[in-house]
C-alpha atoms as a PDB file:
ATOM      1  CA  MET A   1     -69.302  41.167-126.042  1.00  0.00           C
ATOM      2  CA  SER A   2     -69.202  37.616-125.497  1.00  0.00           C
ATOM      3  CA  LYS A   3     -65.860  35.610-125.428  1.00  0.00           C
ATOM      4  CA  ARG A   4     -66.809  33.580-128.603  1.00  0.00           C
ATOM      5  CA  ARG A   5     -67.575  36.449-130.257  1.00  0.00           C
ATOM      6  CA  LYS A   6     -64.242  38.497-130.013  1.00  0.00           C
ATOM      7  CA  GLU A   7     -62.129  35.024-130.950  1.00  0.00           C
ATOM      8  CA  ARG A   8     -64.966  35.047-134.183  1.00  0.00           C
ATOM      9  CA  LYS A   9     -62.650  34.679-137.309  1.00  0.00           C
ATOM     10  CA  LEU A  10     -63.426  36.212-140.475  1.00  0.00           C
ATOM     11  CA  THR A  11     -64.779  33.229-142.492  1.00  0.00           C
ATOM     12  CA  HIS A  12     -64.538  35.067-145.759  1.00  0.00           C
ATOM     13  CA  LEU A  13     -60.372  34.863-145.353  1.00  0.00           C
ATOM     14  CA  ASP A  14     -58.186  32.475-144.799  1.00  0.00           C
ATOM     15  CA  ARG A  15     -55.009  31.729-142.978  1.00  0.00           C
ATOM     16  CA  ARG A  16     -52.611  34.143-145.053  1.00  0.00           C
ATOM     17  CA  GLY A  17     -55.468  36.746-145.375  1.00  0.00           C
ATOM     18  CA  ALA A  18     -56.501  36.256-149.095  1.00  0.00           C
ATOM     19  CA  ALA A  19     -60.140  36.581-149.882  1.00  0.00           C
ATOM     20  CA  ARG A  20     -62.145  33.033-150.535  1.00  0.00           C
ATOM     21  CA  MET A  21     -65.600  31.316-150.780  1.00  0.00           C
ATOM     22  CA  VAL A  22     -66.267  30.311-147.457  1.00  0.00           C
ATOM     23  CA  ASP A  23     -66.957  26.241-147.625  1.00  0.00           C
ATOM     24  CA  VAL A  24     -70.378  25.362-146.726  1.00  0.00           C
ATOM     25  CA  SER A  25     -70.638  21.337-147.414  1.00  0.00           C
ATOM     26  CA  ALA A  26     -70.719  20.438-143.796  1.00  0.00           C
ATOM     27  CA  LYS A  27     -73.774  22.359-142.847  1.00  0.00           C
ATOM     28  CA  PRO A  28     -77.459  20.794-142.460  1.00  0.00           C
ATOM     29  CA  ALA A  29     -79.661  22.850-145.496  1.00  0.00           C
ATOM     30  CA  THR A  30     -82.284  24.522-143.971  1.00  0.00           C
ATOM     31  CA  ARG A  31     -85.305  26.669-145.091  1.00  0.00           C
ATOM     32  CA  ARG A  32     -83.765  30.238-145.363  1.00  0.00           C
ATOM     33  CA  VAL A  33     -85.973  33.627-146.118  1.00  0.00           C
ATOM     34  CA  ALA A  34     -84.743  36.939-146.072  1.00  0.00           C
ATOM     35  CA  VAL A  35     -86.770  40.206-146.594  1.00  0.00           C
ATOM     36  CA  ALA A  36     -84.795  43.880-147.711  1.00  0.00           C
ATOM     37  CA  GLN A  37     -86.127  46.940-148.663  1.00  0.00           C
ATOM     38  CA  ALA A  38     -84.995  49.847-150.393  1.00  0.00           C
ATOM     39  CA  ASP A  39     -86.152  53.297-150.531  1.00  0.00           C
ATOM     40  CA  VAL A  40     -86.270  55.429-153.960  1.00  0.00           C
ATOM     41  CA  ASN A  41     -86.892  59.348-153.599  1.00  0.00           C
ATOM     42  CA  MET A  42     -87.993  61.707-156.180  1.00  0.00           C
ATOM     43  CA  SER A  43     -90.190  64.900-156.712  1.00  0.00           C
ATOM     44  CA  GLY A  44     -93.782  65.332-156.099  1.00  0.00           C
ATOM     45  CA  GLN A  45     -94.267  65.807-160.016  1.00  0.00           C
ATOM     46  CA  THR A  46     -91.919  62.783-160.651  1.00  0.00           C
ATOM     47  CA  TRP A  47     -93.458  60.964-158.374  1.00  0.00           C
ATOM     48  CA  ARG A  48     -97.555  62.012-159.785  1.00  0.00           C
ATOM     49  CA  ALA A  49     -96.117  61.267-162.801  1.00  0.00           C
ATOM     50  CA  LEU A  50     -95.284  57.455-161.866  1.00  0.00           C
ATOM     51  CA  ALA A  51     -98.206  57.058-160.119  1.00  0.00           C
ATOM     52  CA  SER A  52    -100.420  57.993-163.008  1.00  0.00           C
ATOM     53  CA  GLY A  53     -98.459  55.667-165.154  1.00  0.00           C
ATOM     54  CA  ASN A  54     -97.383  59.090-167.672  1.00  0.00           C
ATOM     55  CA  LEU A  55     -93.778  58.113-167.996  1.00  0.00           C
ATOM     56  CA  PRO A  56     -92.407  58.100-171.397  1.00  0.00           C
ATOM     57  CA  LYS A  57     -90.955  55.058-170.905  1.00  0.00           C
ATOM     58  CA  GLY A  58     -93.826  53.000-169.563  1.00  0.00           C
ATOM     59  CA  ASP A  59     -94.717  50.992-166.550  1.00  0.00           C
ATOM     60  CA  ALA A  60     -92.087  51.567-164.267  1.00  0.00           C
ATOM     61  CA  LEU A  61     -93.238  49.839-161.726  1.00  0.00           C
ATOM     62  CA  ALA A  62     -93.602  46.120-163.416  1.00  0.00           C
ATOM     63  CA  VAL A  63     -90.160  46.844-164.720  1.00  0.00           C
ATOM     64  CA  ALA A  64     -88.475  47.219-161.428  1.00  0.00           C
ATOM     65  CA  ARG A  65     -90.180  43.985-160.454  1.00  0.00           C
ATOM     66  CA  LEU A  66     -89.429  41.969-162.868  1.00  0.00           C
ATOM     67  CA  ALA A  67     -85.725  43.942-162.541  1.00  0.00           C
ATOM     68  CA  GLY A  68     -85.365  42.991-158.641  1.00  0.00           C
ATOM     69  CA  ILE A  69     -86.580  39.059-159.635  1.00  0.00           C
ATOM     70  CA  ALA A  70     -83.940  38.386-162.330  1.00  0.00           C
ATOM     71  CA  ALA A  71     -81.207  40.548-159.868  1.00  0.00           C
ATOM     72  CA  ALA A  72     -81.812  38.161-157.172  1.00  0.00           C
ATOM     73  CA  LYS A  73     -81.081  35.042-159.178  1.00  0.00           C
ATOM     74  CA  ARG A  74     -77.933  36.129-161.049  1.00  0.00           C
ATOM     75  CA  THR A  75     -76.869  37.449-157.169  1.00  0.00           C
ATOM     76  CA  SER A  76     -73.227  34.844-157.027  1.00  0.00           C
ATOM     77  CA  GLU A  77     -72.076  36.326-160.360  1.00  0.00           C
ATOM     78  CA  LEU A  78     -71.791  39.952-159.289  1.00  0.00           C
ATOM     79  CA  ILE A  79     -70.847  39.555-155.769  1.00  0.00           C
ATOM     80  CA  PRO A  80     -67.450  37.262-156.141  1.00  0.00           C
ATOM     81  CA  LEU A  81     -67.679  35.303-152.592  1.00  0.00           C
ATOM     82  CA  CYS A  82     -71.310  34.445-152.941  1.00  0.00           C
ATOM     83  CA  HIS A  83     -72.801  30.971-153.127  1.00  0.00           C
ATOM     84  CA  PRO A  84     -75.167  30.242-156.066  1.00  0.00           C
ATOM     85  CA  LEU A  85     -78.402  29.085-154.391  1.00  0.00           C
ATOM     86  CA  PRO A  86     -81.359  27.180-156.023  1.00  0.00           C
ATOM     87  CA  MET A  87     -83.985  29.974-154.818  1.00  0.00           C
ATOM     88  CA  ASP A  88     -87.615  28.494-154.290  1.00  0.00           C
ATOM     89  CA  PHE A  89     -89.310  31.962-154.658  1.00  0.00           C
ATOM     90  CA  VAL A  90     -88.289  35.661-155.049  1.00  0.00           C
ATOM     91  CA  SER A  91     -90.895  38.138-154.810  1.00  0.00           C
ATOM     92  CA  VAL A  92     -90.831  42.289-155.136  1.00  0.00           C
ATOM     93  CA  ASP A  93     -93.254  44.419-154.479  1.00  0.00           C
ATOM     94  CA  VAL A  94     -93.025  47.832-155.214  1.00  0.00           C
ATOM     95  CA  GLU A  95     -95.702  50.380-153.353  1.00  0.00           C
ATOM     96  CA  MET A  96     -95.552  54.324-153.432  1.00  0.00           C
ATOM     97  CA  PRO A  97     -96.523  55.385-149.384  1.00  0.00           C
ATOM     98  CA  THR A  98     -95.915  58.668-149.531  1.00  0.00           C
ATOM     99  CA  THR A  99     -95.514  61.646-152.460  1.00  0.00           C
ATOM    100  CA  GLY A 100     -92.119  61.051-152.994  1.00  0.00           C
ATOM    101  CA  THR A 101     -91.111  57.753-152.074  1.00  0.00           C
ATOM    102  CA  VAL A 102     -91.095  54.403-153.836  1.00  0.00           C
ATOM    103  CA  ARG A 103     -90.522  51.573-151.800  1.00  0.00           C
ATOM    104  CA  VAL A 104     -89.339  48.592-153.138  1.00  0.00           C
ATOM    105  CA  THR A 105     -89.596  45.131-150.487  1.00  0.00           C
ATOM    106  CA  ALA A 106     -87.884  41.840-152.093  1.00  0.00           C
ATOM    107  CA  ARG A 107     -88.424  38.537-150.021  1.00  0.00           C
ATOM    108  CA  VAL A 108     -86.216  35.692-150.910  1.00  0.00           C
ATOM    109  CA  GLY A 109     -86.841  31.896-150.144  1.00  0.00           C
ATOM    110  CA  VAL A 110     -84.576  29.087-150.252  1.00  0.00           C
ATOM    111  CA  ARG A 111     -83.544  25.536-148.898  1.00  0.00           C
ATOM    112  CA  ALA A 112     -80.395  25.406-148.878  1.00  0.00           C
ATOM    113  CA  ARG A 113     -76.917  25.853-146.659  1.00  0.00           C
ATOM    114  CA  THR A 114     -76.148  29.497-146.654  1.00  0.00           C
ATOM    115  CA  GLY A 115     -78.422  32.160-146.319  1.00  0.00           C
ATOM    116  CA  VAL A 116     -80.217  34.857-148.995  1.00  0.00           C
ATOM    117  CA  GLU A 117     -79.544  38.060-147.588  1.00  0.00           C
ATOM    118  CA  MET A 118     -77.549  39.038-150.715  1.00  0.00           C
ATOM    119  CA  GLU A 119     -80.087  38.026-152.824  1.00  0.00           C
ATOM    120  CA  ALA A 120     -82.887  39.840-151.030  1.00  0.00           C
ATOM    121  CA  MET A 121     -80.672  43.127-151.158  1.00  0.00           C
ATOM    122  CA  MET A 122     -79.330  42.810-154.869  1.00  0.00           C
ATOM    123  CA  ALA A 123     -83.602  42.473-155.807  1.00  0.00           C
ATOM    124  CA  VAL A 124     -84.567  45.892-154.088  1.00  0.00           C
ATOM    125  CA  CYS A 125     -81.282  47.445-154.945  1.00  0.00           C
ATOM    126  CA  VAL A 126     -81.765  46.812-158.956  1.00  0.00           C
ATOM    127  CA  ALA A 127     -85.365  47.293-159.021  1.00  0.00           C
ATOM    128  CA  ALA A 128     -84.230  50.957-157.116  1.00  0.00           C
ATOM    129  CA  LEU A 129     -81.672  51.235-160.017  1.00  0.00           C
ATOM    130  CA  ALA A 130     -84.836  50.516-162.562  1.00  0.00           C
ATOM    131  CA  VAL A 131     -86.936  52.639-161.092  1.00  0.00           C
ATOM    132  CA  TYR A 132     -84.533  55.431-161.442  1.00  0.00           C
ATOM    133  CA  ASP A 133     -83.535  54.381-165.094  1.00  0.00           C
ATOM    134  CA  MET A 134     -87.010  54.663-165.791  1.00  0.00           C
ATOM    135  CA  CYS A 135     -87.989  58.006-164.210  1.00  0.00           C
ATOM    136  CA  LYS A 136     -84.995  59.618-164.976  1.00  0.00           C
ATOM    137  CA  GLY A 137     -85.872  61.475-168.430  1.00  0.00           C
ATOM    138  CA  LEU A 138     -88.201  63.439-165.376  1.00  0.00           C
ATOM    139  CA  GLU A 139     -85.682  63.838-163.092  1.00  0.00           C
ATOM    140  CA  ARG A 140     -82.099  63.164-162.466  1.00  0.00           C
ATOM    141  CA  GLY A 141     -81.832  63.911-159.156  1.00  0.00           C
ATOM    142  CA  ILE A 142     -83.622  60.783-157.835  1.00  0.00           C
ATOM    143  CA  ARG A 143     -82.178  59.253-154.661  1.00  0.00           C
ATOM    144  CA  ILE A 144     -81.679  55.599-153.641  1.00  0.00           C
ATOM    145  CA  GLY A 145     -81.539  54.767-149.933  1.00  0.00           C
ATOM    146  CA  PRO A 146     -81.758  53.874-147.231  1.00  0.00           C
ATOM    147  CA  VAL A 147     -81.279  50.010-148.494  1.00  0.00           C
ATOM    148  CA  ARG A 148     -81.564  47.946-145.551  1.00  0.00           C
ATOM    149  CA  LEU A 149     -81.894  43.875-144.638  1.00  0.00           C
ATOM    150  CA  LEU A 150     -85.293  43.956-142.800  1.00  0.00           C
ATOM    151  CA  GLU A 151     -84.794  40.496-141.226  1.00  0.00           C
ATOM    152  CA  LYS A 152     -83.721  36.710-142.074  1.00  0.00           C
ATOM    153  CA  SER A 153     -84.468  33.521-140.702  1.00  0.00           C
ATOM    154  CA  GLY A 154     -83.092  30.293-140.929  1.00  0.00           C
ATOM    155  CA  GLY A 155     -79.640  28.502-140.409  1.00  0.00           C
ATOM    156  CA  ARG A 156     -77.344  28.208-137.331  1.00  0.00           C
ATOM    157  CA  SER A 157     -77.954  32.182-136.185  1.00  0.00           C
ATOM    158  CA  GLY A 158     -81.750  31.561-136.944  1.00  0.00           C
ATOM    159  CA  ARG A 159     -84.096  34.395-136.901  1.00  0.00           C
ATOM    160  CA  TRP A 160     -82.682  38.239-136.890  1.00  0.00           C
ATOM    161  CA  THR A 161     -85.261  41.514-137.451  1.00  0.00           C
ATOM    162  CA  HIS A 162     -83.953  45.183-137.788  1.00  0.00           C
ATOM    163  CA  ALA A 163     -84.690  46.997-134.712  1.00  0.00           C
ATOM    164  CA  GLY A 164     -85.181  50.114-136.564  1.00  0.00           C
END
């Protein structure tokens, strides 16, 4: 571990240890992008009903995409120390890669002084919850997870990619 890393202070705490919003006013605005992903795991029977469009509540995948986009736009209202950001784009993709799994992937971009990782994570979490809500009439034991950041780019720290 580098000396710089060891001495790094927690940016969301003031000198007294109280939570604070970080002052990013001196940072340059740069292009920033984040990609996050969440899995929704369910029985094969529920998955097949979803895949065939036979859910009592309607088109769960369309609802999930819209819920994820709306959530990304409202992240700063729900996560207390997040900065409100003027996002340039939010995309939420929902796929069904294997029987029993729905995979939600969000990509968020902005030109700003701080990153959009939380917006991408919020998008996939809420989209996954929307899938649960649309399917819960068929199955209450649906599981959400893992939820993970896949990559981020921009800002002083540059590009980061999930190793797993």
